[in-house]
Protein backbone atom coordinates (compact mmCIF):
# COMPACT_ATOMS: atom_id res chain seq x y z
CA MET A 1 9.07 30.30 -22.34
CA LEU A 2 10.22 28.41 -19.29
CA LYS A 3 10.95 24.73 -19.41
CA ILE A 4 10.53 22.41 -16.47
CA ARG A 5 13.76 20.49 -16.12
CA ARG A 6 12.79 18.37 -13.15
CA ILE A 7 9.67 18.11 -11.06
CA GLU A 8 9.37 15.36 -8.47
CA PRO A 9 7.14 15.71 -5.46
CA PHE A 10 9.03 15.28 -2.21
CA TYR A 11 5.87 13.51 -1.11
CA THR A 12 2.24 13.24 -2.16
CA LYS A 13 -0.79 13.18 0.10
CA ARG A 14 -4.34 12.31 -0.86
CA ASP A 15 -6.93 14.11 1.22
CA GLY A 16 -10.41 13.10 0.07
CA ASP A 17 -10.87 14.42 -3.47
CA HIS A 18 -7.64 16.43 -3.31
CA LEU A 19 -4.10 15.46 -4.07
CA LYS A 20 -1.28 17.51 -2.59
CA LEU A 21 2.09 17.43 -4.31
CA VAL A 22 4.66 18.84 -1.91
CA PHE A 23 8.02 20.01 -3.23
CA ALA A 24 11.37 20.53 -1.55
CA TYR A 25 14.87 21.65 -2.52
CA GLN A 26 16.43 19.92 -5.54
CA TYR A 27 13.16 18.27 -6.59
CA PHE A 28 11.92 21.04 -8.86
CA SER A 29 13.95 23.04 -11.34
CA ILE A 30 13.31 25.21 -14.40
CA LEU A 31 15.31 26.38 -17.38
CA LYS A 32 15.08 30.03 -18.32
CA ASP A 33 17.25 31.21 -21.19
CA ASP A 34 19.45 28.11 -20.78
CA GLU A 35 20.04 28.90 -17.11
CA LEU A 36 19.00 26.39 -14.47
CA PHE A 37 17.04 27.71 -11.49
CA HIS A 38 16.22 25.49 -8.51
CA PHE A 39 13.06 25.65 -6.47
CA ILE A 40 13.34 26.93 -2.92
CA PRO A 41 10.34 26.50 -0.59
CA VAL A 42 10.17 30.02 0.84
CA GLU A 43 6.59 30.77 -0.21
CA GLY A 44 4.46 28.21 -2.06
CA LYS A 45 5.64 24.63 -1.82
CA GLU A 46 2.69 22.51 -2.89
CA ILE A 47 0.32 22.01 -5.78
CA ILE A 48 -3.21 21.01 -4.81
CA ILE A 49 -5.17 19.14 -7.48
CA ASN A 50 -8.89 18.44 -7.28
CA LEU A 51 -9.11 14.82 -8.44
CA GLN A 52 -12.75 15.16 -9.51
CA THR A 53 -12.18 18.08 -11.88
CA LEU A 54 -8.38 17.70 -12.35
CA GLN A 55 -8.09 21.43 -11.70
CA ILE A 56 -5.31 23.02 -9.68
CA GLU A 57 -6.81 24.84 -6.73
CA ASN A 58 -3.97 26.96 -5.35
CA LEU A 59 -3.21 29.03 -8.45
CA SER A 60 -2.22 32.13 -6.48
CA ASP A 61 0.59 30.42 -4.53
CA VAL A 62 3.99 31.86 -5.45
CA PHE A 63 6.85 29.52 -6.29
CA VAL A 64 10.41 30.82 -5.95
CA PHE A 65 13.39 29.59 -7.95
CA GLN A 66 17.00 30.53 -7.35
CA LYS A 67 20.30 30.58 -9.20
CA SER A 68 23.11 31.92 -7.02
CA SER A 69 21.89 35.38 -5.91
CA ARG A 70 19.11 35.69 -8.56
CA PHE A 71 15.53 34.75 -7.87
CA ILE A 72 12.45 34.15 -10.00
CA ARG A 73 9.08 34.48 -8.28
CA LEU A 74 6.19 32.95 -10.20
CA PRO A 75 2.58 32.56 -9.15
CA LEU A 76 1.45 29.05 -9.96
CA TYR A 77 -1.08 30.28 -12.55
CA GLN A 78 1.74 32.02 -14.43
CA LEU A 79 3.96 28.96 -14.22
CA LEU A 80 1.11 26.98 -15.77
CA LEU A 81 0.83 29.52 -18.60
CA VAL A 82 4.50 29.91 -19.52
CA SER A 83 5.93 26.43 -19.03
CA ASN A 84 5.41 22.78 -19.88
CA ILE A 85 4.41 21.88 -16.32
CA HIS A 86 1.11 20.35 -17.53
CA ASP A 87 3.00 17.51 -19.22
CA HIS A 88 4.91 16.74 -16.05
CA LEU A 89 1.84 16.89 -13.80
CA GLN A 90 -0.02 14.56 -16.15
CA LYS A 91 2.83 12.03 -15.92
CA ILE A 92 2.84 12.27 -12.11
CA LEU A 93 -0.94 11.67 -12.02
CA GLU A 94 -0.64 8.70 -14.39
CA ASP A 95 2.09 7.16 -12.22
CA LEU A 96 -0.02 7.64 -9.08
CA GLU A 97 -3.05 6.13 -10.82
CA LEU A 98 -1.04 3.07 -11.87
CA SER A 99 0.24 2.73 -8.33
CA THR A 100 -3.34 2.88 -6.99
CA GLU A 101 -4.54 0.31 -9.55
CA THR A 102 -1.67 -2.00 -8.59
CA LYS A 103 -2.64 -1.73 -4.91
CA ARG A 104 -6.29 -2.48 -5.76
CA ALA A 105 -5.26 -5.51 -7.82
CA GLN A 106 -3.05 -6.74 -4.96
CA ASN A 107 -5.93 -6.27 -2.49
CA ASN A 108 -8.22 -8.28 -4.80
CA ILE A 109 -5.64 -11.07 -5.00
CA ASN A 110 -5.29 -11.06 -1.20
CA GLU A 111 -9.08 -11.24 -0.75
CA GLU A 112 -9.38 -14.07 -3.28
CA THR A 113 -6.56 -15.95 -1.57
CA ALA A 114 -8.16 -15.54 1.85
CA GLN A 115 -11.48 -16.75 0.46
CA LEU A 116 -9.81 -19.78 -1.18
CA VAL A 117 -8.01 -20.67 2.06
CA SER A 118 -11.28 -20.37 3.99
CA GLU A 119 -13.05 -22.67 1.50
CA MET A 120 -10.22 -25.21 1.72
CA GLU A 121 -10.39 -25.14 5.52
CA ASP A 122 -14.15 -25.74 5.39
CA MET A 123 -13.69 -28.66 2.97
CA ASN A 124 -10.98 -30.13 5.20
CA ARG A 125 -13.22 -29.78 8.26
CA LEU A 126 -16.00 -31.66 6.44
CA ARG A 127 -13.54 -34.44 5.50
CA MET A 128 -12.43 -34.63 9.13
CA ILE A 129 -16.09 -34.94 10.20
CA ASP A 130 -16.54 -37.80 7.70
CA TYR A 131 -13.38 -39.41 9.08
CA ALA A 132 -14.68 -39.11 12.66
CA LEU A 133 -18.01 -40.65 11.64
CA ASP A 134 -16.32 -43.48 9.72
CA HIS A 135 -14.13 -44.31 12.74
CA LYS A 136 -16.91 -43.75 15.27
CA ASP A 137 -14.78 -41.13 17.07
CA GLN A 138 -17.48 -39.22 18.95
CA GLN A 139 -15.03 -36.91 20.76
CA MET A 140 -13.44 -35.78 17.46
CA PHE A 141 -16.88 -35.40 15.88
CA GLU A 142 -18.16 -33.21 18.73
CA GLN A 143 -14.99 -31.11 18.73
CA LEU A 144 -15.28 -30.50 14.96
CA MET A 145 -18.94 -29.62 15.30
CA ASP A 146 -18.20 -27.21 18.16
CA ASP A 147 -15.35 -25.60 16.14
CA GLY A 148 -17.68 -25.19 13.18
CA ASN A 149 -20.21 -23.33 15.32
CA GLY A 150 -17.63 -20.78 16.45
CA THR A 151 -17.25 -22.04 20.00
């Protein structure tokens, strides 16, 4: 059995319902019989996951690992069968999901803040209109009314 020692995507890219995990040198390594082999991107270099089904779509891509002059060539489907890569991919997906949720939460906060500022500006404009009426300042009143109509 192979053991994944390290697996970190060099970068990730979401393309619709697909997530591409792209790997580079030093970001992916396996242990085989207590020997460490490092990924080299000579053939396959990405894992494509369908986010709807959570299935890997490029199972036939061949990943190559190297230790000095020795190489291990593994189709992705075989790597999935003989290693603990599932655990690592699950962790990567969870981290990406948390990152996405954090961005959504931040966007919601930004929208709520913008809405609150807009409401405060409207309330202030109404107070300024009351002030203009109380002080019989027709020019200020007309300017505030024009500003409120978008002109």
